[in-house]
Amino acid sequence: MKCFIHANNVQLTRGFRAQIANRIKSALCRVEAKVKFVVVSFQDINGLRGGKDKQCKLKIVVDGVSNVQIVDAQSTPQAAFGLALGRSKRALTERIKKPMRHYKKARSKVREDMTELTAEPA
């Protein structure tokens, strides 16, 4: 899984860049085979005015399901990344589980229909 990190008007240290890559790998380790790549981009929205102005966009490109894109803004890039990663992990898990849920539901419906057909008539 490849991880691309972009920063627009935000200073990111080498340590924080390495931490981003490690946290993404550990968060997505269960679905790593399905993930093509991850793009993390940071932007300073308000400039020097202050406030919740560090925005983190996290995009996860996956085989077989639609891409996950989460945008979050906080006062620091670390906080914005942490929230975006948690939200994207939950969203990705739901998108991958959803087709399986429909498959299991359809399969149980077929089993119910089969038991009705094989039951002895009254």
PDB file of N, CA and C in Angstrom:
ATOM      1  N   MET A   1       0.856  -1.167   0.000  1.00  0.00           N
ATOM      2  CA  MET A   1       0.000   0.000   0.000  1.00  0.00           C
ATOM      3  C   MET A   1       0.904   1.232   0.000  1.00  0.00           C
ATOM      4  N   LYS A   2       0.647   2.126  -0.932  1.00  0.00           N
ATOM      5  CA  LYS A   2       1.436   3.357  -1.026  1.00  0.00           C
ATOM      6  C   LYS A   2       0.717   4.476  -0.290  1.00  0.00           C
ATOM      7  N   CYS A   3       1.502   5.374   0.275  1.00  0.00           N
ATOM      8  CA  CYS A   3       0.966   6.502   1.027  1.00  0.00           C
ATOM      9  C   CYS A   3       1.612   7.781   0.512  1.00  0.00           C
ATOM     10  N   PHE A   4       0.806   8.705   0.019  1.00  0.00           N
ATOM     11  CA  PHE A   4       1.292   9.988  -0.478  1.00  0.00           C
ATOM     12  C   PHE A   4       0.859  11.078   0.498  1.00  0.00           C
ATOM     13  N   ILE A   5       1.809  11.941   0.884  1.00  0.00           N
ATOM     14  CA  ILE A   5       1.531  13.000   1.856  1.00  0.00           C
ATOM     15  C   ILE A   5       1.860  14.341   1.213  1.00  0.00           C
ATOM     16  N   HIS A   6       0.882  15.241   1.181  1.00  0.00           N
ATOM     17  CA  HIS A   6       1.056  16.579   0.616  1.00  0.00           C
ATOM     18  C   HIS A   6       0.747  17.622   1.682  1.00  0.00           C
ATOM     19  N   ALA A   7       1.478  18.731   1.650  1.00  0.00           N
ATOM     20  CA  ALA A   7       1.229  19.813   2.604  1.00  0.00           C
ATOM     21  C   ALA A   7       1.228  21.142   1.858  1.00  0.00           C
ATOM     22  N   ASN A   8       0.154  21.915   2.018  1.00  0.00           N
ATOM     23  CA  ASN A   8       0.015  23.213   1.370  1.00  0.00           C
ATOM     24  C   ASN A   8      -0.058  24.278   2.467  1.00  0.00           C
ATOM     25  N   ASN A   9       1.000  25.071   2.613  1.00  0.00           N
ATOM     26  CA  ASN A   9       1.105  26.120   3.629  1.00  0.00           C
ATOM     27  C   ASN A   9       1.101  25.572   5.057  1.00  0.00           C
ATOM     28  N   VAL A  10       1.485  24.315   5.232  1.00  0.00           N
ATOM     29  CA  VAL A  10       1.581  23.703   6.550  1.00  0.00           C
ATOM     30  C   VAL A  10       2.941  23.018   6.636  1.00  0.00           C
ATOM     31  N   GLN A  11       3.660  23.277   7.729  1.00  0.00           N
ATOM     32  CA  GLN A  11       4.968  22.651   7.929  1.00  0.00           C
ATOM     33  C   GLN A  11       4.781  21.285   8.598  1.00  0.00           C
ATOM     34  N   LEU A  12       5.284  20.238   7.956  1.00  0.00           N
ATOM     35  CA  LEU A  12       5.242  18.896   8.520  1.00  0.00           C
ATOM     36  C   LEU A  12       6.669  18.408   8.719  1.00  0.00           C
ATOM     37  N   THR A  13       6.975  17.956   9.915  1.00  0.00           N
ATOM     38  CA  THR A  13       8.314  17.443  10.191  1.00  0.00           C
ATOM     39  C   THR A  13       8.459  16.033   9.622  1.00  0.00           C
ATOM     40  N   ARG A  14       9.702  15.597   9.500  1.00  0.00           N
ATOM     41  CA  ARG A  14       9.959  14.234   9.014  1.00  0.00           C
ATOM     42  C   ARG A  14       9.369  13.202   9.968  1.00  0.00           C
ATOM     43  N   GLY A  15       9.456  13.482  11.250  1.00  0.00           N
ATOM     44  CA  GLY A  15       8.903  12.569  12.242  1.00  0.00           C
ATOM     45  C   GLY A  15       7.390  12.424  12.120  1.00  0.00           C
ATOM     46  N   PHE A  16       6.715  13.544  11.884  1.00  0.00           N
ATOM     47  CA  PHE A  16       5.258  13.482  11.730  1.00  0.00           C
ATOM     48  C   PHE A  16       4.878  12.766  10.442  1.00  0.00           C
ATOM     49  N   ARG A  17       5.641  12.969   9.366  1.00  0.00           N
ATOM     50  CA  ARG A  17       5.382  12.250   8.113  1.00  0.00           C
ATOM     51  C   ARG A  17       5.537  10.739   8.317  1.00  0.00           C
ATOM     52  N   ALA A  18       6.579  10.336   9.045  1.00  0.00           N
ATOM     53  CA  ALA A  18       6.778   8.907   9.329  1.00  0.00           C
ATOM     54  C   ALA A  18       5.656   8.372  10.211  1.00  0.00           C
ATOM     55  N   GLN A  19       5.214   9.190  11.176  1.00  0.00           N
ATOM     56  CA  GLN A  19       4.121   8.783  12.058  1.00  0.00           C
ATOM     57  C   GLN A  19       2.827   8.601  11.261  1.00  0.00           C
ATOM     58  N   ILE A  20       2.587   9.471  10.284  1.00  0.00           N
ATOM     59  CA  ILE A  20       1.398   9.352   9.435  1.00  0.00           C
ATOM     60  C   ILE A  20       1.410   8.016   8.713  1.00  0.00           C
ATOM     61  N   ALA A  21       2.526   7.692   8.083  1.00  0.00           N
ATOM     62  CA  ALA A  21       2.626   6.437   7.339  1.00  0.00           C
ATOM     63  C   ALA A  21       2.432   5.225   8.255  1.00  0.00           C
ATOM     64  N   ASN A  22       3.039   5.253   9.439  1.00  0.00           N
ATOM     65  CA  ASN A  22       2.901   4.128  10.379  1.00  0.00           C
ATOM     66  C   ASN A  22       1.475   3.973  10.888  1.00  0.00           C
ATOM     67  N   ARG A  23       0.832   5.084  11.204  1.00  0.00           N
ATOM     68  CA  ARG A  23      -0.548   5.013  11.716  1.00  0.00           C
ATOM     69  C   ARG A  23      -1.511   4.532  10.646  1.00  0.00           C
ATOM     70  N   ILE A  24      -1.283   4.926   9.398  1.00  0.00           N
ATOM     71  CA  ILE A  24      -2.149   4.459   8.313  1.00  0.00           C
ATOM     72  C   ILE A  24      -1.970   2.955   8.122  1.00  0.00           C
ATOM     73  N   LYS A  25      -0.724   2.491   8.124  1.00  0.00           N
ATOM     74  CA  LYS A  25      -0.486   1.061   7.958  1.00  0.00           C
ATOM     75  C   LYS A  25      -1.107   0.250   9.084  1.00  0.00           C
ATOM     76  N   SER A  26      -0.987   0.708  10.313  1.00  0.00           N
ATOM     77  CA  SER A  26      -1.554  -0.046  11.429  1.00  0.00           C
ATOM     78  C   SER A  26      -3.082   0.028  11.447  1.00  0.00           C
ATOM     79  N   ALA A  27      -3.649   1.149  11.028  1.00  0.00           N
ATOM     80  CA  ALA A  27      -5.110   1.286  11.036  1.00  0.00           C
ATOM     81  C   ALA A  27      -5.766   0.458   9.934  1.00  0.00           C
ATOM     82  N   LEU A  28      -5.085   0.325   8.805  1.00  0.00           N
ATOM     83  CA  LEU A  28      -5.674  -0.362   7.655  1.00  0.00           C
ATOM     84  C   LEU A  28      -5.058  -1.736   7.416  1.00  0.00           C
ATOM     85  N   CYS A  29      -4.397  -2.316   8.416  1.00  0.00           N
ATOM     86  CA  CYS A  29      -3.705  -3.593   8.215  1.00  0.00           C
ATOM     87  C   CYS A  29      -4.664  -4.725   7.861  1.00  0.00           C
ATOM     88  N   ARG A  30      -5.889  -4.688   8.350  1.00  0.00           N
ATOM     89  CA  ARG A  30      -6.848  -5.769   8.084  1.00  0.00           C
ATOM     90  C   ARG A  30      -7.334  -5.760   6.639  1.00  0.00           C
ATOM     91  N   VAL A  31      -7.338  -4.592   6.003  1.00  0.00           N
ATOM     92  CA  VAL A  31      -7.825  -4.482   4.627  1.00  0.00           C
ATOM     93  C   VAL A  31      -6.717  -4.039   3.670  1.00  0.00           C
ATOM     94  N   GLU A  32      -5.475  -4.240   4.088  1.00  0.00           N
ATOM     95  CA  GLU A  32      -4.334  -3.756   3.314  1.00  0.00           C
ATOM     96  C   GLU A  32      -4.292  -4.352   1.902  1.00  0.00           C
ATOM     97  N   ALA A  33      -4.739  -5.589   1.729  1.00  0.00           N
ATOM     98  CA  ALA A  33      -4.702  -6.225   0.418  1.00  0.00           C
ATOM     99  C   ALA A  33      -5.643  -5.542  -0.575  1.00  0.00           C
ATOM    100  N   LYS A  34      -6.716  -4.933  -0.077  1.00  0.00           N
ATOM    101  CA  LYS A  34      -7.682  -4.282  -0.961  1.00  0.00           C
ATOM    102  C   LYS A  34      -7.358  -2.821  -1.239  1.00  0.00           C
ATOM    103  N   VAL A  35      -6.515  -2.205  -0.417  1.00  0.00           N
ATOM    104  CA  VAL A  35      -6.203  -0.785  -0.551  1.00  0.00           C
ATOM    105  C   VAL A  35      -5.103  -0.596  -1.597  1.00  0.00           C
ATOM    106  N   LYS A  36      -5.387   0.233  -2.617  1.00  0.00           N
ATOM    107  CA  LYS A  36      -4.371   0.538  -3.636  1.00  0.00           C
ATOM    108  C   LYS A  36      -3.392   1.570  -3.108  1.00  0.00           C
ATOM    109  N   PHE A  37      -3.911   2.738  -2.700  1.00  0.00           N
ATOM    110  CA  PHE A  37      -3.058   3.778  -2.142  1.00  0.00           C
ATOM    111  C   PHE A  37      -3.879   4.732  -1.303  1.00  0.00           C
ATOM    112  N   VAL A  38      -3.152   5.520  -0.497  1.00  0.00           N
ATOM    113  CA  VAL A  38      -3.767   6.499   0.394  1.00  0.00           C
ATOM    114  C   VAL A  38      -3.113   7.853   0.128  1.00  0.00           C
ATOM    115  N   VAL A  39      -3.941   8.895   0.018  1.00  0.00           N
ATOM    116  CA  VAL A  39      -3.442  10.257  -0.168  1.00  0.00           C
ATOM    117  C   VAL A  39      -3.865  11.089   1.031  1.00  0.00           C
ATOM    118  N   VAL A  40      -2.881  11.696   1.691  1.00  0.00           N
ATOM    119  CA  VAL A  40      -3.147  12.575   2.833  1.00  0.00           C
ATOM    120  C   VAL A  40      -2.651  13.959   2.457  1.00  0.00           C
ATOM    121  N   SER A  41      -3.544  14.949   2.504  1.00  0.00           N
ATOM    122  CA  SER A  41      -3.126  16.316   2.176  1.00  0.00           C
ATOM    123  C   SER A  41      -3.563  17.259   3.287  1.00  0.00           C
ATOM    124  N   PHE A  42      -2.663  18.167   3.631  1.00  0.00           N
ATOM    125  CA  PHE A  42      -2.908  19.164   4.675  1.00  0.00           C
ATOM    126  C   PHE A  42      -2.938  20.541   4.037  1.00  0.00           C
ATOM    127  N   GLN A  43      -3.809  21.400   4.582  1.00  0.00           N
ATOM    128  CA  GLN A  43      -3.917  22.762   4.067  1.00  0.00           C
ATOM    129  C   GLN A  43      -4.250  23.700   5.218  1.00  0.00           C
ATOM    130  N   ASP A  44      -3.668  24.890   5.174  1.00  0.00           N
ATOM    131  CA  ASP A  44      -3.972  25.931   6.149  1.00  0.00           C
ATOM    132  C   ASP A  44      -5.100  26.771   5.553  1.00  0.00           C
ATOM    133  N   ILE A  45      -6.304  26.625   6.082  1.00  0.00           N
ATOM    134  CA  ILE A  45      -7.480  27.253   5.482  1.00  0.00           C
ATOM    135  C   ILE A  45      -7.508  28.755   5.700  1.00  0.00           C
ATOM    136  N   ASN A  46      -7.388  29.197   6.958  1.00  0.00           N
ATOM    137  CA  ASN A  46      -7.555  30.611   7.293  1.00  0.00           C
ATOM    138  C   ASN A  46      -6.272  31.424   7.227  1.00  0.00           C
ATOM    139  N   GLY A  47      -5.163  30.806   6.982  1.00  0.00           N
ATOM    140  CA  GLY A  47      -3.904  31.541   6.971  1.00  0.00           C
ATOM    141  C   GLY A  47      -3.498  31.933   8.372  1.00  0.00           C
ATOM    142  N   LEU A  48      -3.172  33.194   8.582  1.00  0.00           N
ATOM    143  CA  LEU A  48      -2.681  33.662   9.882  1.00  0.00           C
ATOM    144  C   LEU A  48      -3.781  34.055  10.861  1.00  0.00           C
ATOM    145  N   ARG A  49      -5.042  33.950  10.488  1.00  0.00           N
ATOM    146  CA  ARG A  49      -6.134  34.385  11.350  1.00  0.00           C
ATOM    147  C   ARG A  49      -6.328  33.501  12.563  1.00  0.00           C
ATOM    148  N   GLY A  50      -5.896  32.241  12.518  1.00  0.00           N
ATOM    149  CA  GLY A  50      -6.036  31.342  13.662  1.00  0.00           C
ATOM    150  C   GLY A  50      -7.330  30.567  13.640  1.00  0.00           C
ATOM    151  N   GLY A  51      -7.600  29.860  14.703  1.00  0.00           N
ATOM    152  CA  GLY A  51      -8.816  29.058  14.811  1.00  0.00           C
ATOM    153  C   GLY A  51      -8.590  27.651  14.269  1.00  0.00           C
ATOM    154  N   LYS A  52      -9.712  26.943  14.046  1.00  0.00           N
ATOM    155  CA  LYS A  52      -9.644  25.593  13.481  1.00  0.00           C
ATOM    156  C   LYS A  52      -9.336  25.717  12.000  1.00  0.00           C
ATOM    157  N   ASP A  53      -8.076  25.842  11.695  1.00  0.00           N
ATOM    158  CA  ASP A  53      -7.758  26.150  10.303  1.00  0.00           C
ATOM    159  C   ASP A  53      -6.798  25.184   9.640  1.00  0.00           C
ATOM    160  N   LYS A  54      -6.431  24.102  10.286  1.00  0.00           N
ATOM    161  CA  LYS A  54      -5.596  23.086   9.645  1.00  0.00           C
ATOM    162  C   LYS A  54      -6.516  21.977   9.144  1.00  0.00           C
ATOM    163  N   GLN A  55      -6.588  21.834   7.848  1.00  0.00           N
ATOM    164  CA  GLN A  55      -7.500  20.868   7.243  1.00  0.00           C
ATOM    165  C   GLN A  55      -6.720  19.650   6.776  1.00  0.00           C
ATOM    166  N   CYS A  56      -7.263  18.473   7.037  1.00  0.00           N
ATOM    167  CA  CYS A  56      -6.667  17.218   6.594  1.00  0.00           C
ATOM    168  C   CYS A  56      -7.667  16.502   5.695  1.00  0.00           C
ATOM    169  N   LYS A  57      -7.248  16.209   4.473  1.00  0.00           N
ATOM    170  CA  LYS A  57      -8.058  15.416   3.554  1.00  0.00           C
ATOM    171  C   LYS A  57      -7.396  14.059   3.429  1.00  0.00           C
ATOM    172  N   LEU A  58      -8.150  13.022   3.683  1.00  0.00           N
ATOM    173  CA  LEU A  58      -7.629  11.672   3.611  1.00  0.00           C
ATOM    174  C   LEU A  58      -8.453  10.908   2.592  1.00  0.00           C
ATOM    175  N   LYS A  59      -7.806  10.426   1.542  1.00  0.00           N
ATOM    176  CA  LYS A  59      -8.492   9.686   0.482  1.00  0.00           C
ATOM    177  C   LYS A  59      -7.889   8.296   0.403  1.00  0.00           C
ATOM    178  N   ILE A  60      -8.752   7.278   0.486  1.00  0.00           N
ATOM    179  CA  ILE A  60      -8.323   5.892   0.408  1.00  0.00           C
ATOM    180  C   ILE A  60      -8.935   5.283  -0.848  1.00  0.00           C
ATOM    181  N   VAL A  61      -8.087   4.808  -1.748  1.00  0.00           N
ATOM    182  CA  VAL A  61      -8.534   4.199  -3.000  1.00  0.00           C
ATOM    183  C   VAL A  61      -8.483   2.682  -2.818  1.00  0.00           C
ATOM    184  N   VAL A  62      -9.631   2.030  -3.029  1.00  0.00           N
ATOM    185  CA  VAL A  62      -9.790   0.613  -2.719  1.00  0.00           C
ATOM    186  C   VAL A  62     -10.316  -0.128  -3.944  1.00  0.00           C
ATOM    187  N   ASP A  63      -9.899  -1.391  -4.092  1.00  0.00           N
ATOM    188  CA  ASP A  63     -10.441  -2.262  -5.137  1.00  0.00           C
ATOM    189  C   ASP A  63     -11.829  -2.754  -4.741  1.00  0.00           C
ATOM    190  N   GLY A  64     -12.756  -2.734  -5.680  1.00  0.00           N
ATOM    191  CA  GLY A  64     -14.053  -3.347  -5.465  1.00  0.00           C
ATOM    192  C   GLY A  64     -15.121  -2.496  -4.812  1.00  0.00           C
ATOM    193  N   VAL A  65     -14.773  -1.438  -4.109  1.00  0.00           N
ATOM    194  CA  VAL A  65     -15.765  -0.553  -3.495  1.00  0.00           C
ATOM    195  C   VAL A  65     -15.401   0.881  -3.824  1.00  0.00           C
ATOM    196  N   SER A  66     -16.326   1.788  -3.571  1.00  0.00           N
ATOM    197  CA  SER A  66     -16.047   3.189  -3.864  1.00  0.00           C
ATOM    198  C   SER A  66     -14.993   3.742  -2.907  1.00  0.00           C
ATOM    199  N   ASN A  67     -14.307   4.763  -3.363  1.00  0.00           N
ATOM    200  CA  ASN A  67     -13.236   5.367  -2.577  1.00  0.00           C
ATOM    201  C   ASN A  67     -13.797   6.041  -1.331  1.00  0.00           C
ATOM    202  N   VAL A  68     -12.955   6.140  -0.312  1.00  0.00           N
ATOM    203  CA  VAL A  68     -13.318   6.818   0.932  1.00  0.00           C
ATOM    204  C   VAL A  68     -12.549   8.127   0.973  1.00  0.00           C
ATOM    205  N   GLN A  69     -13.277   9.230   1.150  1.00  0.00           N
ATOM    206  CA  GLN A  69     -12.628  10.531   1.269  1.00  0.00           C
ATOM    207  C   GLN A  69     -13.216  11.263   2.465  1.00  0.00           C
ATOM    208  N   ILE A  70     -12.342  11.615   3.404  1.00  0.00           N
ATOM    209  CA  ILE A  70     -12.752  12.273   4.637  1.00  0.00           C
ATOM    210  C   ILE A  70     -12.006  13.598   4.753  1.00  0.00           C
ATOM    211  N   VAL A  71     -12.719  14.653   5.130  1.00  0.00           N
ATOM    212  CA  VAL A  71     -12.122  15.970   5.344  1.00  0.00           C
ATOM    213  C   VAL A  71     -12.421  16.375   6.779  1.00  0.00           C
ATOM    214  N   ASP A  72     -11.367  16.805   7.488  1.00  0.00           N
ATOM    215  CA  ASP A  72     -11.538  17.236   8.871  1.00  0.00           C
ATOM    216  C   ASP A  72     -10.648  18.438   9.133  1.00  0.00           C
ATOM    217  N   ALA A  73     -11.088  19.355   9.975  1.00  0.00           N
ATOM    218  CA  ALA A  73     -10.311  20.556  10.304  1.00  0.00           C
ATOM    219  C   ALA A  73     -10.194  20.686  11.811  1.00  0.00           C
ATOM    220  N   GLN A  74      -8.988  20.992  12.267  1.00  0.00           N
ATOM    221  CA  GLN A  74      -8.714  21.202  13.684  1.00  0.00           C
ATOM    222  C   GLN A  74      -7.653  22.284  13.806  1.00  0.00           C
ATOM    223  N   SER A  75      -7.262  22.583  15.028  1.00  0.00           N
ATOM    224  CA  SER A  75      -6.275  23.640  15.239  1.00  0.00           C
ATOM    225  C   SER A  75      -4.858  23.189  14.915  1.00  0.00           C
ATOM    226  N   THR A  76      -4.580  21.880  14.978  1.00  0.00           N
ATOM    227  CA  THR A  76      -3.254  21.369  14.623  1.00  0.00           C
ATOM    228  C   THR A  76      -3.389  20.283  13.561  1.00  0.00           C
ATOM    229  N   PRO A  77      -2.355  20.095  12.737  1.00  0.00           N
ATOM    230  CA  PRO A  77      -2.420  19.024  11.733  1.00  0.00           C
ATOM    231  C   PRO A  77      -2.516  17.637  12.367  1.00  0.00           C
ATOM    232  N   GLN A  78      -1.884  17.441  13.520  1.00  0.00           N
ATOM    233  CA  GLN A  78      -1.928  16.147  14.186  1.00  0.00           C
ATOM    234  C   GLN A  78      -3.349  15.788  14.619  1.00  0.00           C
ATOM    235  N   ALA A  79      -4.051  16.748  15.185  1.00  0.00           N
ATOM    236  CA  ALA A  79      -5.425  16.508  15.625  1.00  0.00           C
ATOM    237  C   ALA A  79      -6.346  16.259  14.434  1.00  0.00           C
ATOM    238  N   ALA A  80      -6.166  17.039  13.375  1.00  0.00           N
ATOM    239  CA  ALA A  80      -7.003  16.861  12.180  1.00  0.00           C
ATOM    240  C   ALA A  80      -6.765  15.489  11.562  1.00  0.00           C
ATOM    241  N   PHE A  81      -5.506  15.063  11.514  1.00  0.00           N
ATOM    242  CA  PHE A  81      -5.191  13.751  10.946  1.00  0.00           C
ATOM    243  C   PHE A  81      -5.771  12.632  11.799  1.00  0.00           C
ATOM    244  N   GLY A  82      -5.665  12.747  13.106  1.00  0.00           N
ATOM    245  CA  GLY A  82      -6.199  11.713  13.990  1.00  0.00           C
ATOM    246  C   GLY A  82      -7.691  11.511  13.821  1.00  0.00           C
ATOM    247  N   LEU A  83      -8.431  12.591  13.755  1.00  0.00           N
ATOM    248  CA  LEU A  83      -9.880  12.481  13.560  1.00  0.00           C
ATOM    249  C   LEU A  83     -10.228  11.936  12.178  1.00  0.00           C
ATOM    250  N   ALA A  84      -9.532  12.419  11.157  1.00  0.00           N
ATOM    251  CA  ALA A  84      -9.802  11.959   9.795  1.00  0.00           C
ATOM    252  C   ALA A  84      -9.483  10.474   9.645  1.00  0.00           C
ATOM    253  N   LEU A  85      -8.416  10.013  10.269  1.00  0.00           N
ATOM    254  CA  LEU A  85      -8.047   8.598  10.175  1.00  0.00           C
ATOM    255  C   LEU A  85      -9.082   7.713  10.849  1.00  0.00           C
ATOM    256  N   GLY A  86      -9.546   8.108  12.015  1.00  0.00           N
ATOM    257  CA  GLY A  86     -10.572   7.329  12.711  1.00  0.00           C
ATOM    258  C   GLY A  86     -11.866   7.249  11.921  1.00  0.00           C
ATOM    259  N   ARG A  87     -12.293   8.371  11.379  1.00  0.00           N
ATOM    260  CA  ARG A  87     -13.525   8.391  10.585  1.00  0.00           C
ATOM    261  C   ARG A  87     -13.386   7.582   9.305  1.00  0.00           C
ATOM    262  N   SER A  88     -12.229   7.682   8.659  1.00  0.00           N
ATOM    263  CA  SER A  88     -12.043   6.959   7.394  1.00  0.00           C
ATOM    264  C   SER A  88     -11.961   5.455   7.637  1.00  0.00           C
ATOM    265  N   LYS A  89     -11.365   5.049   8.745  1.00  0.00           N
ATOM    266  CA  LYS A  89     -11.295   3.622   9.070  1.00  0.00           C
ATOM    267  C   LYS A  89     -12.693   3.037   9.252  1.00  0.00           C
ATOM    268  N   ARG A  90     -13.546   3.763   9.979  1.00  0.00           N
ATOM    269  CA  ARG A  90     -14.931   3.303  10.175  1.00  0.00           C
ATOM    270  C   ARG A  90     -15.699   3.266   8.866  1.00  0.00           C
ATOM    271  N   ALA A  91     -15.532   4.298   8.039  1.00  0.00           N
ATOM    272  CA  ALA A  91     -16.243   4.351   6.764  1.00  0.00           C
ATOM    273  C   ALA A  91     -15.786   3.231   5.835  1.00  0.00           C
ATOM    274  N   LEU A  92     -14.495   2.974   5.789  1.00  0.00           N
ATOM    275  CA  LEU A  92     -13.965   1.921   4.931  1.00  0.00           C
ATOM    276  C   LEU A  92     -14.440   0.549   5.397  1.00  0.00           C
ATOM    277  N   THR A  93     -14.440   0.319   6.690  1.00  0.00           N
ATOM    278  CA  THR A  93     -14.907  -0.956   7.222  1.00  0.00           C
ATOM    279  C   THR A  93     -16.371  -1.180   6.856  1.00  0.00           C
ATOM    280  N   GLU A  94     -17.199  -0.147   6.967  1.00  0.00           N
ATOM    281  CA  GLU A  94     -18.610  -0.282   6.613  1.00  0.00           C
ATOM    282  C   GLU A  94     -18.793  -0.565   5.120  1.00  0.00           C
ATOM    283  N   ARG A  95     -18.012   0.078   4.284  1.00  0.00           N
ATOM    284  CA  ARG A  95     -18.138  -0.146   2.837  1.00  0.00           C
ATOM    285  C   ARG A  95     -17.705  -1.544   2.435  1.00  0.00           C
ATOM    286  N   ILE A  96     -16.724  -2.080   3.121  1.00  0.00           N
ATOM    287  CA  ILE A  96     -16.276  -3.429   2.791  1.00  0.00           C
ATOM    288  C   ILE A  96     -17.230  -4.466   3.364  1.00  0.00           C
ATOM    289  N   LYS A  97     -17.772  -4.226   4.568  1.00  0.00           N
ATOM    290  CA  LYS A  97     -18.688  -5.175   5.200  1.00  0.00           C
ATOM    291  C   LYS A  97     -20.051  -5.189   4.539  1.00  0.00           C
ATOM    292  N   LYS A  98     -20.500  -4.066   3.983  1.00  0.00           N
ATOM    293  CA  LYS A  98     -21.857  -3.952   3.466  1.00  0.00           C
ATOM    294  C   LYS A  98     -22.179  -5.000   2.399  1.00  0.00           C
ATOM    295  N   PRO A  99     -21.335  -5.212   1.377  1.00  0.00           N
ATOM    296  CA  PRO A  99     -21.662  -6.260   0.412  1.00  0.00           C
ATOM    297  C   PRO A  99     -21.731  -7.644   1.048  1.00  0.00           C
ATOM    298  N   MET A 100     -20.880  -7.929   2.022  1.00  0.00           N
ATOM    299  CA  MET A 100     -20.915  -9.224   2.698  1.00  0.00           C
ATOM    300  C   MET A 100     -22.209  -9.385   3.481  1.00  0.00           C
ATOM    301  N   ARG A 101     -22.696  -8.310   4.081  1.00  0.00           N
ATOM    302  CA  ARG A 101     -23.935  -8.365   4.842  1.00  0.00           C
ATOM    303  C   ARG A 101     -25.097  -8.748   3.936  1.00  0.00           C
ATOM    304  N   HIS A 102     -25.133  -8.161   2.732  1.00  0.00           N
ATOM    305  CA  HIS A 102     -26.203  -8.486   1.792  1.00  0.00           C
ATOM    306  C   HIS A 102     -26.091  -9.933   1.336  1.00  0.00           C
ATOM    307  N   TYR A 103     -24.873 -10.423   1.148  1.00  0.00           N
ATOM    308  CA  TYR A 103     -24.669 -11.800   0.719  1.00  0.00           C
ATOM    309  C   TYR A 103     -25.167 -12.762   1.782  1.00  0.00           C
ATOM    310  N   LYS A 104     -24.819 -12.514   3.049  1.00  0.00           N
ATOM    311  CA  LYS A 104     -25.243 -13.389   4.132  1.00  0.00           C
ATOM    312  C   LYS A 104     -26.760 -13.359   4.301  1.00  0.00           C
ATOM    313  N   LYS A 105     -27.354 -12.184   4.128  1.00  0.00           N
ATOM    314  CA  LYS A 105     -28.801 -12.059   4.258  1.00  0.00           C
ATOM    315  C   LYS A 105     -29.501 -12.845   3.156  1.00  0.00           C
ATOM    316  N   ALA A 106     -29.003 -12.742   1.932  1.00  0.00           N
ATOM    317  CA  ALA A 106     -29.604 -13.466   0.813  1.00  0.00           C
ATOM    318  C   ALA A 106     -29.451 -14.971   1.014  1.00  0.00           C
ATOM    319  N   ARG A 107     -28.311 -15.388   1.529  1.00  0.00           N
ATOM    320  CA  ARG A 107     -28.062 -16.805   1.743  1.00  0.00           C
ATOM    321  C   ARG A 107     -28.982 -17.377   2.812  1.00  0.00           C
ATOM    322  N   SER A 108     -29.229 -16.624   3.874  1.00  0.00           N
ATOM    323  CA  SER A 108     -30.126 -17.108   4.920  1.00  0.00           C
ATOM    324  C   SER A 108     -31.560 -17.168   4.405  1.00  0.00           C
ATOM    325  N   LYS A 109     -31.934 -16.258   3.524  1.00  0.00           N
ATOM    326  CA  LYS A 109     -33.272 -16.273   2.927  1.00  0.00           C
ATOM    327  C   LYS A 109     -33.459 -17.532   2.090  1.00  0.00           C
ATOM    328  N   VAL A 110     -32.431 -17.922   1.326  1.00  0.00           N
ATOM    329  CA  VAL A 110     -32.507 -19.135   0.520  1.00  0.00           C
ATOM    330  C   VAL A 110     -32.654 -20.349   1.419  1.00  0.00           C
ATOM    331  N   ARG A 111     -31.946 -20.382   2.538  1.00  0.00           N
ATOM    332  CA  ARG A 111     -32.050 -21.509   3.469  1.00  0.00           C
ATOM    333  C   ARG A 111     -33.451 -21.607   4.052  1.00  0.00           C
ATOM    334  N   GLU A 112     -34.050 -20.474   4.385  1.00  0.00           N
ATOM    335  CA  GLU A 112     -35.416 -20.487   4.910  1.00  0.00           C
ATOM    336  C   GLU A 112     -36.381 -21.027   3.864  1.00  0.00           C
ATOM    337  N   ASP A 113     -36.210 -20.603   2.607  1.00  0.00           N
ATOM    338  CA  ASP A 113     -37.082 -21.077   1.537  1.00  0.00           C
ATOM    339  C   ASP A 113     -36.915 -22.575   1.321  1.00  0.00           C
ATOM    340  N   MET A 114     -35.685 -23.054   1.437  1.00  0.00           N
ATOM    341  CA  MET A 114     -35.432 -24.480   1.239  1.00  0.00           C
ATOM    342  C   MET A 114     -36.070 -25.303   2.353  1.00  0.00           C
ATOM    343  N   THR A 115     -36.055 -24.819   3.588  1.00  0.00           N
ATOM    344  CA  THR A 115     -36.669 -25.569   4.685  1.00  0.00           C
ATOM    345  C   THR A 115     -38.182 -25.599   4.517  1.00  0.00           C
ATOM    346  N   GLU A 116     -38.759 -24.562   3.964  1.00  0.00           N
ATOM    347  CA  GLU A 116     -40.188 -24.564   3.714  1.00  0.00           C
ATOM    348  C   GLU A 116     -40.558 -25.593   2.655  1.00  0.00           C
ATOM    349  N   LEU A 117     -39.718 -25.742   1.644  1.00  0.00           N
ATOM    350  CA  LEU A 117     -39.988 -26.691   0.570  1.00  0.00           C
ATOM    351  C   LEU A 117     -39.830 -28.141   1.027  1.00  0.00           C
ATOM    352  N   THR A 118     -38.888 -28.377   1.919  1.00  0.00           N
ATOM    353  CA  THR A 118     -38.621 -29.757   2.353  1.00  0.00           C
ATOM    354  C   THR A 118     -39.497 -30.185   3.522  1.00  0.00           C
ATOM    355  N   ALA A 119     -40.242 -29.263   4.133  1.00  0.00           N
ATOM    356  CA  ALA A 119     -41.103 -29.631   5.268  1.00  0.00           C
ATOM    357  C   ALA A 119     -42.261 -30.501   4.779  1.00  0.00           C
ATOM    358  N   GLU A 120     -42.655 -31.405   5.630  1.00  0.00           N
ATOM    359  CA  GLU A 120     -43.758 -32.313   5.267  1.00  0.00           C
ATOM    360  C   GLU A 120     -45.084 -31.549   5.262  1.00  0.00           C
ATOM    361  N   PRO A 121     -45.934 -31.860   4.299  1.00  0.00           N
ATOM    362  CA  PRO A 121     -47.228 -31.168   4.258  1.00  0.00           C
ATOM    363  C   PRO A 121     -48.120 -31.589   5.416  1.00  0.00           C
ATOM    364  N   ALA A 122     -48.969 -30.699   5.846  1.00  0.00           N
ATOM    365  CA  ALA A 122     -49.840 -30.967   6.984  1.00  0.00           C
ATOM    366  C   ALA A 122     -51.100 -31.646   6.582  1.00  0.00           C
TER     367      ALA A 122
END
